[in-house]
Amino acid sequence: MPELIFQIAIIVAKIVLLTFMVVLPLVPLSVYFERRFSAVIQDRVGPNRVGIPLTLFGFKKDFHLFGLVQPIADGLKLFLKEDFTPAHVRKAFYWMAPALTVVPALITVCVVPFGSPISIFGHTEKLVIADLDIGPLFVFSVASLSVYGITLAGWSSNSKFPFIGGVRSTAQMISYEIALGLSIIPVLMYYGDLNLSTIVQQQADHGWLLLPLWGHDADHTFISKLLFWFPAAIAFLIFTISIFAETNRMPFDLPECETELVGGYHTEYSSMKFAMFFMGEYAAMVIGSALIITLFLGGWSIGFGLDAMVAKLHIGDFYFGGLVHLGCFMTKLIGFILFFILVRWTVPRFRYDQLMKLGWVVFFEAALINVFLAALIVAAPQLEKTIIGVGAVLLVIVTAAVIWVAKVSEETPKVLRA
């Protein structure tokens, strides 16, 4: 019984620390980064005044703190606004929709490994809430539920433009989920495991998937890792762009395209319900970035053979190397969030037909061909040279055939004559 209580206490502590003290604060911070970064790109100042009002307590100056208190001010403003519910909406689904966009993104946090195990008083604990052996499948299955929130928001509003935004989002997310799932198959084939902690540990020992520069041995030769870098790079490109589409981020924010749909699926929302949609978007961006880092960029690994040494750092019985790895993971995560923001303020929005064509005609076929390319490279050491040659020729023929079919099926634009 005491052991069970201890295990429950550890799980609760992980949920509180990793979800509510590590991931959740990144959501308002991402909004702050967005506003400051966009200001730098557009040669503006951005939020830099909101801070601690020390003049209220008799001091001569306020402490601005670089505007870092701005997200708190924004949250208070949204919390204190009138929560207006239009009379014509379907109320139960209207209230349910915002929660369905936030909750799935936060649930997926539980399988992300934030650092290597830490040890104290002889007890070792992994820095992951639930170390499941089906990590990526769990993330995809739960994260896909967020489409219901956006669809219900558009449908329950009983308004034309939100409904169109909800339908767009449904088609968009379903389209890119296929490419998203296919793109990581080469990664899972290469590591032979669905456990995210195991995948990160292998990258720490034998080089990151996109930086295979250390840990060479008989099973992981430099040549084999270099050959696999090509399908890995293709998978990374497809996976990253698909995450942009899945999170409705620019240039794929067609469901809330204000030039056509007023505000899209959340037009009829106000106060904290409106804020929850943005919380869901930024939470999904944080989790998407964490998944990209975990699969392709080493996760918590510092790299270059330093991880084993860092894991041995200790003060007495407290081995704190996992906390150093947690810091490394958060640094990578913030860097990738800034990359998301940079893309939003640099790349113009796609047309909807371009978005669907990219998902179905380009990414779906490219991800499928990439699976066969990765399989050929992974199986090459166990195959005869003749079989490898035949497989390579067939792969080239199939790739050429797919490109030709996509090309000839494309409609030629009609020229309007006066």
Protein backbone atom coordinates (compact mmCIF):
# COMPACT_ATOMS: atom_id res chain seq x y z
CA MET A 1 0.00 0.00 0.00
CA PRO A 2 2.72 2.59 0.83
CA GLU A 3 4.47 1.70 -2.46
CA LEU A 4 1.21 2.33 -4.40
CA ILE A 5 0.70 5.70 -2.67
CA PHE A 6 4.30 6.61 -3.49
CA GLN A 7 3.83 5.72 -7.19
CA ILE A 8 0.61 7.76 -7.38
CA ALA A 9 2.41 10.71 -5.74
CA ILE A 10 5.24 10.44 -8.33
CA ILE A 11 2.74 10.41 -11.24
CA VAL A 12 0.87 13.43 -9.82
CA ALA A 13 4.18 15.27 -9.30
CA LYS A 14 5.19 14.56 -12.92
CA ILE A 15 1.85 15.82 -14.24
CA VAL A 16 2.04 19.00 -12.17
CA LEU A 17 5.71 19.72 -12.92
CA LEU A 18 5.94 18.72 -16.59
CA THR A 19 2.47 19.80 -17.76
CA PHE A 20 1.53 22.76 -15.57
CA MET A 21 4.99 24.16 -14.83
CA VAL A 22 6.93 23.35 -18.03
CA VAL A 23 4.56 23.04 -21.02
CA LEU A 24 1.58 25.21 -20.02
CA PRO A 25 3.67 28.34 -19.24
CA LEU A 26 5.13 28.01 -22.77
CA VAL A 27 1.68 28.81 -24.21
CA PRO A 28 1.50 32.45 -22.97
CA LEU A 29 5.25 32.79 -23.51
CA SER A 30 4.76 31.71 -27.15
CA VAL A 31 2.21 34.53 -27.55
CA TYR A 32 4.79 36.96 -26.13
CA PHE A 33 7.50 35.59 -28.45
CA GLU A 34 5.08 35.91 -31.37
CA ARG A 35 4.37 39.56 -30.65
CA ARG A 36 7.98 40.52 -30.00
CA PHE A 37 9.39 38.53 -32.93
CA SER A 38 6.81 39.94 -35.36
CA ALA A 39 7.67 43.43 -34.11
CA VAL A 40 11.36 42.85 -34.87
CA ILE A 41 10.53 41.54 -38.37
CA GLN A 42 8.25 44.54 -39.07
CA ASP A 43 10.61 47.09 -37.50
CA ARG A 44 8.26 47.86 -34.60
CA VAL A 45 8.77 47.94 -30.83
CA GLY A 46 6.21 45.37 -29.70
CA PRO A 47 4.96 44.89 -26.12
CA ASN A 48 7.65 46.24 -23.80
CA ARG A 49 5.81 48.39 -21.24
CA VAL A 50 3.71 46.00 -19.17
CA GLY A 51 5.62 45.11 -16.02
CA ILE A 52 5.41 45.52 -12.27
CA PRO A 53 3.67 48.83 -11.34
CA LEU A 54 6.07 49.91 -8.58
CA THR A 55 4.79 53.53 -8.73
CA LEU A 56 1.61 52.30 -6.99
CA PHE A 57 3.79 51.52 -3.97
CA GLY A 58 5.57 54.87 -3.87
CA PHE A 59 8.54 54.15 -6.14
CA LYS A 60 9.57 56.65 -8.85
CA LYS A 61 9.58 54.19 -11.79
CA ASP A 62 7.78 51.05 -12.85
CA PHE A 63 9.76 47.89 -13.55
CA HIS A 64 8.94 47.07 -17.19
CA LEU A 65 10.62 43.64 -17.29
CA PHE A 66 10.86 43.80 -21.12
CA GLY A 67 7.08 43.42 -21.37
CA LEU A 68 7.16 39.85 -20.03
CA VAL A 69 4.03 40.46 -17.95
CA GLN A 70 2.05 41.21 -21.15
CA PRO A 71 0.62 37.63 -21.42
CA ILE A 72 -0.77 37.96 -17.87
CA ALA A 73 -2.39 41.29 -18.81
CA ASP A 74 -3.86 39.71 -21.95
CA GLY A 75 -5.20 36.78 -19.92
CA LEU A 76 -6.81 39.07 -17.35
CA LYS A 77 -8.37 41.17 -20.11
CA LEU A 78 -9.91 38.11 -21.79
CA PHE A 79 -11.00 36.64 -18.45
CA LEU A 80 -12.81 39.85 -17.43
CA LYS A 81 -14.53 40.38 -20.79
CA GLU A 82 -18.23 39.58 -21.10
CA ASP A 83 -18.78 35.90 -21.91
CA PHE A 84 -21.53 36.40 -24.46
CA THR A 85 -23.40 33.40 -25.86
CA PRO A 86 -25.58 34.18 -28.89
CA ALA A 87 -29.18 33.01 -28.69
CA HIS A 88 -29.09 31.14 -32.01
CA VAL A 89 -26.22 28.71 -31.19
CA ARG A 90 -26.45 25.04 -30.13
CA LYS A 91 -25.32 25.75 -26.58
CA ALA A 92 -24.03 22.35 -25.37
CA PHE A 93 -21.73 21.86 -28.37
CA TYR A 94 -20.89 25.58 -28.45
CA TRP A 95 -19.51 25.38 -24.90
CA MET A 96 -17.85 22.00 -25.46
CA ALA A 97 -15.86 22.99 -28.57
CA PRO A 98 -13.17 25.23 -26.95
CA ALA A 99 -12.29 22.51 -24.41
CA LEU A 100 -11.94 19.94 -27.20
CA THR A 101 -9.22 22.05 -28.82
CA VAL A 102 -7.11 22.50 -25.66
CA VAL A 103 -7.43 19.18 -23.83
CA PRO A 104 -6.09 16.81 -26.57
CA ALA A 105 -2.96 18.95 -27.02
CA LEU A 106 -2.23 18.83 -23.28
CA ILE A 107 -2.91 15.07 -23.00
CA THR A 108 -0.26 14.29 -25.62
CA VAL A 109 2.38 15.78 -23.30
CA CYS A 110 2.35 12.60 -21.23
CA VAL A 111 4.43 10.51 -23.69
CA VAL A 112 7.11 13.12 -24.49
CA PRO A 113 10.46 12.39 -22.74
CA PHE A 114 11.74 15.67 -21.30
CA GLY A 115 15.08 14.39 -20.06
CA SER A 116 17.16 11.39 -19.08
CA PRO A 117 16.28 9.60 -15.80
CA ILE A 118 17.16 11.30 -12.51
CA SER A 119 18.10 9.39 -9.38
CA ILE A 120 17.74 10.38 -5.72
CA PHE A 121 18.26 8.18 -2.63
CA GLY A 122 18.66 5.15 -4.90
CA HIS A 123 15.29 5.69 -6.61
CA THR A 124 15.46 6.33 -10.37
CA GLU A 125 12.63 8.05 -12.20
CA LYS A 126 12.21 8.88 -15.89
CA LEU A 127 11.29 12.45 -16.86
CA VAL A 128 8.23 11.30 -18.79
CA ILE A 129 4.70 11.06 -17.40
CA ALA A 130 3.72 7.82 -19.20
CA ASP A 131 6.50 5.85 -20.88
CA LEU A 132 4.25 4.08 -23.40
CA ASP A 133 5.56 1.65 -26.00
CA ILE A 134 3.23 3.19 -28.62
CA GLY A 135 4.22 6.85 -28.12
CA PRO A 136 3.76 8.25 -31.67
CA LEU A 137 0.52 6.31 -32.21
CA PHE A 138 -0.86 7.69 -28.94
CA VAL A 139 0.09 11.26 -29.96
CA PHE A 140 -1.60 10.95 -33.37
CA SER A 141 -4.74 9.30 -32.00
CA VAL A 142 -5.28 11.87 -29.24
CA ALA A 143 -4.16 14.96 -31.18
CA SER A 144 -6.57 14.10 -34.01
CA LEU A 145 -9.47 14.64 -31.57
CA SER A 146 -8.86 18.40 -31.70
CA VAL A 147 -10.51 18.47 -35.15
CA TYR A 148 -13.81 17.78 -33.38
CA GLY A 149 -13.45 20.98 -31.36
CA ILE A 150 -13.01 23.17 -34.44
CA THR A 151 -15.71 21.32 -36.41
CA LEU A 152 -18.21 21.57 -33.54
CA ALA A 153 -17.36 25.26 -33.07
CA GLY A 154 -18.23 26.00 -36.69
CA TRP A 155 -21.35 23.81 -36.77
CA SER A 156 -22.78 24.83 -33.38
CA SER A 157 -22.42 28.56 -34.15
CA ASN A 158 -25.31 28.27 -36.66
CA SER A 159 -23.58 30.83 -38.83
CA LYS A 160 -22.33 30.49 -42.41
CA PHE A 161 -18.73 31.66 -42.13
CA PRO A 162 -17.84 29.70 -38.96
CA PHE A 163 -19.39 26.60 -40.55
CA ILE A 164 -17.23 26.98 -43.67
CA GLY A 165 -14.17 27.43 -41.42
CA GLY A 166 -15.03 24.22 -39.54
CA VAL A 167 -15.49 22.24 -42.77
CA ARG A 168 -12.19 23.58 -44.13
CA SER A 169 -10.41 22.56 -40.96
CA THR A 170 -11.84 19.04 -41.08
CA ALA A 171 -10.69 18.50 -44.67
CA GLN A 172 -7.29 20.07 -43.97
CA MET A 173 -6.48 18.09 -40.82
CA ILE A 174 -7.62 14.76 -42.26
CA SER A 175 -5.59 15.36 -45.43
CA TYR A 176 -2.35 16.15 -43.63
CA GLU A 177 -2.75 13.46 -40.95
CA ILE A 178 -2.15 10.85 -43.68
CA ALA A 179 1.14 12.46 -44.74
CA LEU A 180 2.04 12.99 -41.07
CA GLY A 181 1.62 9.30 -40.24
CA LEU A 182 3.41 8.05 -43.36
CA SER A 183 6.35 10.43 -42.88
CA ILE A 184 7.47 8.94 -39.54
CA ILE A 185 7.34 5.31 -40.70
CA PRO A 186 10.99 5.50 -41.94
CA VAL A 187 12.04 6.75 -38.48
CA LEU A 188 10.25 3.91 -36.71
CA MET A 189 11.70 1.38 -39.17
CA TYR A 190 15.21 2.68 -38.55
CA TYR A 191 14.99 2.47 -34.75
CA GLY A 192 12.72 -0.59 -34.65
CA ASP A 193 10.82 0.81 -31.68
CA LEU A 194 7.71 2.90 -30.93
CA ASN A 195 8.90 4.03 -27.50
CA LEU A 196 9.95 7.69 -27.67
CA SER A 197 12.33 7.36 -24.70
CA THR A 198 14.14 4.49 -26.47
CA ILE A 199 14.33 6.50 -29.72
CA VAL A 200 15.90 9.46 -27.93
CA GLN A 201 18.35 7.21 -26.06
CA GLN A 202 19.45 5.63 -29.35
CA GLN A 203 20.02 9.11 -30.78
CA ALA A 204 22.07 10.05 -27.72
CA ASP A 205 24.22 6.93 -28.17
CA HIS A 206 24.54 6.83 -31.97
CA GLY A 207 23.91 10.38 -33.23
CA TRP A 208 20.77 12.36 -33.92
CA LEU A 209 18.77 11.29 -36.94
CA LEU A 210 19.66 14.51 -38.79
CA LEU A 211 23.14 14.78 -37.24
CA PRO A 212 24.67 11.25 -37.26
CA LEU A 213 28.23 12.25 -36.38
CA TRP A 214 29.10 10.04 -33.38
CA GLY A 215 28.50 6.59 -31.87
CA HIS A 216 29.65 4.54 -34.88
CA ASP A 217 29.85 0.76 -34.40
CA ALA A 218 29.20 -2.46 -36.33
CA ASP A 219 25.42 -1.94 -36.31
CA HIS A 220 25.56 1.84 -36.87
CA THR A 221 28.34 2.50 -39.37
CA PHE A 222 28.93 6.03 -40.64
CA ILE A 223 28.08 4.96 -44.23
CA SER A 224 24.74 3.39 -43.24
CA LYS A 225 23.78 6.45 -41.18
CA LEU A 226 24.79 8.76 -43.99
CA LEU A 227 22.70 6.79 -46.50
CA PHE A 228 19.67 6.91 -44.22
CA TRP A 229 20.08 10.69 -43.81
CA PHE A 230 18.33 11.22 -47.19
CA PRO A 231 15.00 9.52 -46.33
CA ALA A 232 15.30 11.03 -42.83
CA ALA A 233 15.63 14.55 -44.28
CA ILE A 234 12.61 13.96 -46.57
CA ALA A 235 10.61 12.64 -43.60
CA PHE A 236 11.64 15.67 -41.51
CA LEU A 237 10.52 18.09 -44.24
CA ILE A 238 7.14 16.41 -44.76
CA PHE A 239 6.54 15.95 -41.02
CA THR A 240 7.41 19.57 -40.15
CA ILE A 241 5.24 21.13 -42.88
CA SER A 242 2.37 18.76 -41.98
CA ILE A 243 2.62 19.90 -38.35
CA PHE A 244 2.14 23.49 -39.58
CA ALA A 245 -1.02 22.35 -41.39
CA GLU A 246 -2.27 20.28 -38.43
CA THR A 247 -1.91 23.24 -36.04
CA ASN A 248 -3.60 25.67 -38.49
CA ARG A 249 -0.53 27.87 -38.46
CA MET A 250 0.39 30.26 -41.27
CA PRO A 251 0.71 29.60 -44.19
CA PHE A 252 -2.03 26.98 -43.57
CA ASP A 253 -4.46 29.02 -41.44
CA LEU A 254 -7.29 28.77 -43.99
CA PRO A 255 -9.95 27.77 -41.37
CA GLU A 256 -9.66 31.25 -39.79
CA CYS A 257 -8.84 33.22 -42.96
CA GLU A 258 -10.22 36.66 -42.06
CA THR A 259 -10.18 37.92 -45.67
CA GLU A 260 -12.93 35.41 -46.57
CA LEU A 261 -14.44 34.07 -43.34
CA VAL A 262 -14.51 37.10 -40.97
CA GLY A 263 -12.78 35.16 -38.18
CA GLY A 264 -13.50 31.59 -39.21
CA TYR A 265 -14.77 28.93 -36.84
CA HIS A 266 -14.42 31.15 -33.72
CA THR A 267 -16.32 34.20 -35.06
CA GLU A 268 -19.19 33.80 -32.58
CA TYR A 269 -16.94 33.31 -29.52
CA SER A 270 -15.85 35.83 -26.89
CA SER A 271 -14.00 36.06 -23.58
CA MET A 272 -12.20 32.90 -22.36
CA LYS A 273 -13.93 30.64 -24.87
CA PHE A 274 -12.28 32.70 -27.61
CA ALA A 275 -8.97 32.55 -25.72
CA MET A 276 -9.14 28.76 -25.40
CA PHE A 277 -8.98 28.35 -29.18
CA PHE A 278 -5.71 30.26 -29.21
CA MET A 279 -4.47 28.28 -26.21
CA GLY A 280 -5.23 25.10 -28.14
CA GLU A 281 -3.38 26.36 -31.23
CA TYR A 282 -0.27 27.36 -29.28
CA ALA A 283 -0.36 24.21 -27.13
CA ALA A 284 -0.51 22.12 -30.32
CA MET A 285 2.41 24.13 -31.71
CA VAL A 286 4.46 23.41 -28.56
CA ILE A 287 3.66 19.67 -28.66
CA GLY A 288 4.29 19.49 -32.41
CA SER A 289 7.69 21.15 -31.91
CA ALA A 290 8.47 18.73 -29.06
CA LEU A 291 7.62 15.74 -31.29
CA ILE A 292 9.82 17.02 -34.14
CA ILE A 293 12.73 17.53 -31.73
CA THR A 294 12.21 14.08 -30.18
CA LEU A 295 12.11 12.17 -33.48
CA PHE A 296 14.67 14.05 -35.58
CA LEU A 297 16.85 16.32 -33.42
CA GLY A 298 17.83 14.11 -30.50
CA GLY A 299 15.17 15.17 -27.98
CA TRP A 300 16.90 15.92 -24.68
CA SER A 301 20.28 14.76 -26.01
CA ILE A 302 23.12 17.30 -25.92
CA GLY A 303 24.95 15.19 -28.50
CA PHE A 304 28.56 14.59 -29.53
CA GLY A 305 29.01 11.80 -26.96
CA LEU A 306 28.46 14.11 -23.94
CA ASP A 307 25.20 12.59 -22.70
CA ALA A 308 26.73 9.64 -20.85
CA MET A 309 29.01 12.03 -18.97
CA VAL A 310 26.14 14.42 -18.17
CA ALA A 311 24.00 11.52 -16.86
CA LYS A 312 26.69 10.76 -14.26
CA LEU A 313 26.66 14.27 -12.73
CA HIS A 314 25.65 14.05 -9.10
CA ILE A 315 25.74 15.67 -5.68
CA GLY A 316 25.83 12.87 -3.14
CA ASP A 317 23.00 10.46 -3.97
CA PHE A 318 21.25 12.98 -6.23
CA TYR A 319 22.04 12.37 -9.92
CA PHE A 320 20.80 15.54 -11.61
CA GLY A 321 21.95 14.94 -15.20
CA GLY A 322 18.31 14.60 -16.25
CA LEU A 323 17.69 18.22 -15.24
CA VAL A 324 20.57 19.34 -17.50
CA HIS A 325 19.00 17.35 -20.32
CA LEU A 326 15.64 18.97 -19.50
CA GLY A 327 17.31 22.37 -19.99
CA CYS A 328 18.71 21.20 -23.34
CA PHE A 329 15.27 19.97 -24.43
CA MET A 330 13.64 23.29 -23.48
CA THR A 331 16.31 25.24 -25.37
CA LYS A 332 15.63 23.23 -28.54
CA LEU A 333 11.89 23.59 -28.00
CA ILE A 334 12.01 27.38 -27.68
CA GLY A 335 14.27 27.55 -30.76
CA PHE A 336 11.74 25.55 -32.82
CA ILE A 337 8.84 27.67 -31.54
CA LEU A 338 10.72 30.75 -32.77
CA PHE A 339 11.08 28.98 -36.14
CA PHE A 340 7.28 28.48 -36.24
CA ILE A 341 6.82 32.20 -35.55
CA LEU A 342 9.40 33.18 -38.18
CA VAL A 343 7.55 31.16 -40.84
CA ARG A 344 4.22 32.74 -39.89
CA TRP A 345 5.54 36.26 -40.43
CA THR A 346 7.50 35.49 -43.61
CA VAL A 347 5.49 33.10 -45.81
CA PRO A 348 2.18 34.28 -47.35
CA ARG A 349 -1.00 32.26 -46.96
CA PHE A 350 -1.72 29.45 -49.45
CA ARG A 351 -4.88 29.29 -51.51
CA TYR A 352 -7.13 26.45 -50.43
CA ASP A 353 -6.69 24.51 -53.67
CA GLN A 354 -2.90 24.82 -53.27
CA LEU A 355 -3.14 23.55 -49.70
CA MET A 356 -5.13 20.45 -50.69
CA LYS A 357 -2.94 19.76 -53.71
CA LEU A 358 0.19 19.90 -51.55
CA GLY A 359 -1.30 17.42 -49.08
CA TRP A 360 -2.78 14.90 -51.50
CA VAL A 361 -0.72 15.18 -54.69
CA VAL A 362 2.74 16.01 -53.29
CA PHE A 363 3.15 14.93 -49.66
CA PHE A 364 1.08 11.73 -49.75
CA GLU A 365 3.01 10.31 -52.72
CA ALA A 366 6.38 11.61 -51.51
CA ALA A 367 5.88 10.10 -48.04
CA LEU A 368 4.83 6.75 -49.54
CA ILE A 369 7.85 6.59 -51.87
CA ASN A 370 10.08 7.62 -48.96
CA VAL A 371 8.85 4.60 -46.98
CA PHE A 372 10.06 2.25 -49.75
CA LEU A 373 13.37 4.13 -50.04
CA ALA A 374 13.96 3.83 -46.28
CA ALA A 375 13.01 0.14 -46.31
CA LEU A 376 15.53 -0.51 -49.09
CA ILE A 377 18.32 1.25 -47.17
CA VAL A 378 17.48 -0.42 -43.83
CA ALA A 379 17.28 -3.91 -45.39
CA ALA A 380 20.33 -3.47 -47.66
CA PRO A 381 22.89 -5.16 -45.30
CA GLN A 382 20.78 -8.36 -45.26
CA LEU A 383 20.08 -8.42 -49.02
CA GLU A 384 22.13 -9.51 -52.01
CA LYS A 385 23.45 -6.83 -54.37
CA THR A 386 21.21 -8.09 -57.21
CA ILE A 387 18.08 -7.69 -55.11
CA ILE A 388 19.18 -4.21 -53.99
CA GLY A 389 19.75 -3.22 -57.64
CA VAL A 390 16.34 -4.53 -58.72
CA GLY A 391 14.68 -2.74 -55.78
CA ALA A 392 16.41 0.54 -56.65
CA VAL A 393 15.34 0.28 -60.31
CA LEU A 394 11.73 -0.50 -59.33
CA LEU A 395 11.74 2.44 -56.90
CA VAL A 396 12.93 4.81 -59.65
CA ILE A 397 10.26 3.47 -62.06
CA VAL A 398 7.47 3.84 -59.47
CA THR A 399 8.64 7.36 -58.56
CA ALA A 400 8.70 8.41 -62.22
CA ALA A 401 5.26 6.87 -62.79
CA VAL A 402 3.77 8.71 -59.80
CA ILE A 403 5.25 12.03 -60.95
CA TRP A 404 3.96 11.45 -64.49
CA VAL A 405 0.43 10.58 -63.29
CA ALA A 406 0.35 13.65 -61.06
CA LYS A 407 1.54 15.79 -63.96
CA VAL A 408 -0.90 14.56 -66.61
CA SER A 409 -3.87 14.63 -64.21
CA GLU A 410 -3.26 18.31 -63.47
CA GLU A 411 -5.80 20.53 -65.16
CA THR A 412 -4.39 23.10 -67.56
CA PRO A 413 -5.63 26.61 -66.80
CA LYS A 414 -8.16 27.89 -69.29
CA VAL A 415 -7.27 31.09 -71.12
CA LEU A 416 -10.11 33.57 -71.27
CA ARG A 417 -10.30 35.33 -74.62
CA ALA A 418 -11.97 38.65 -75.17
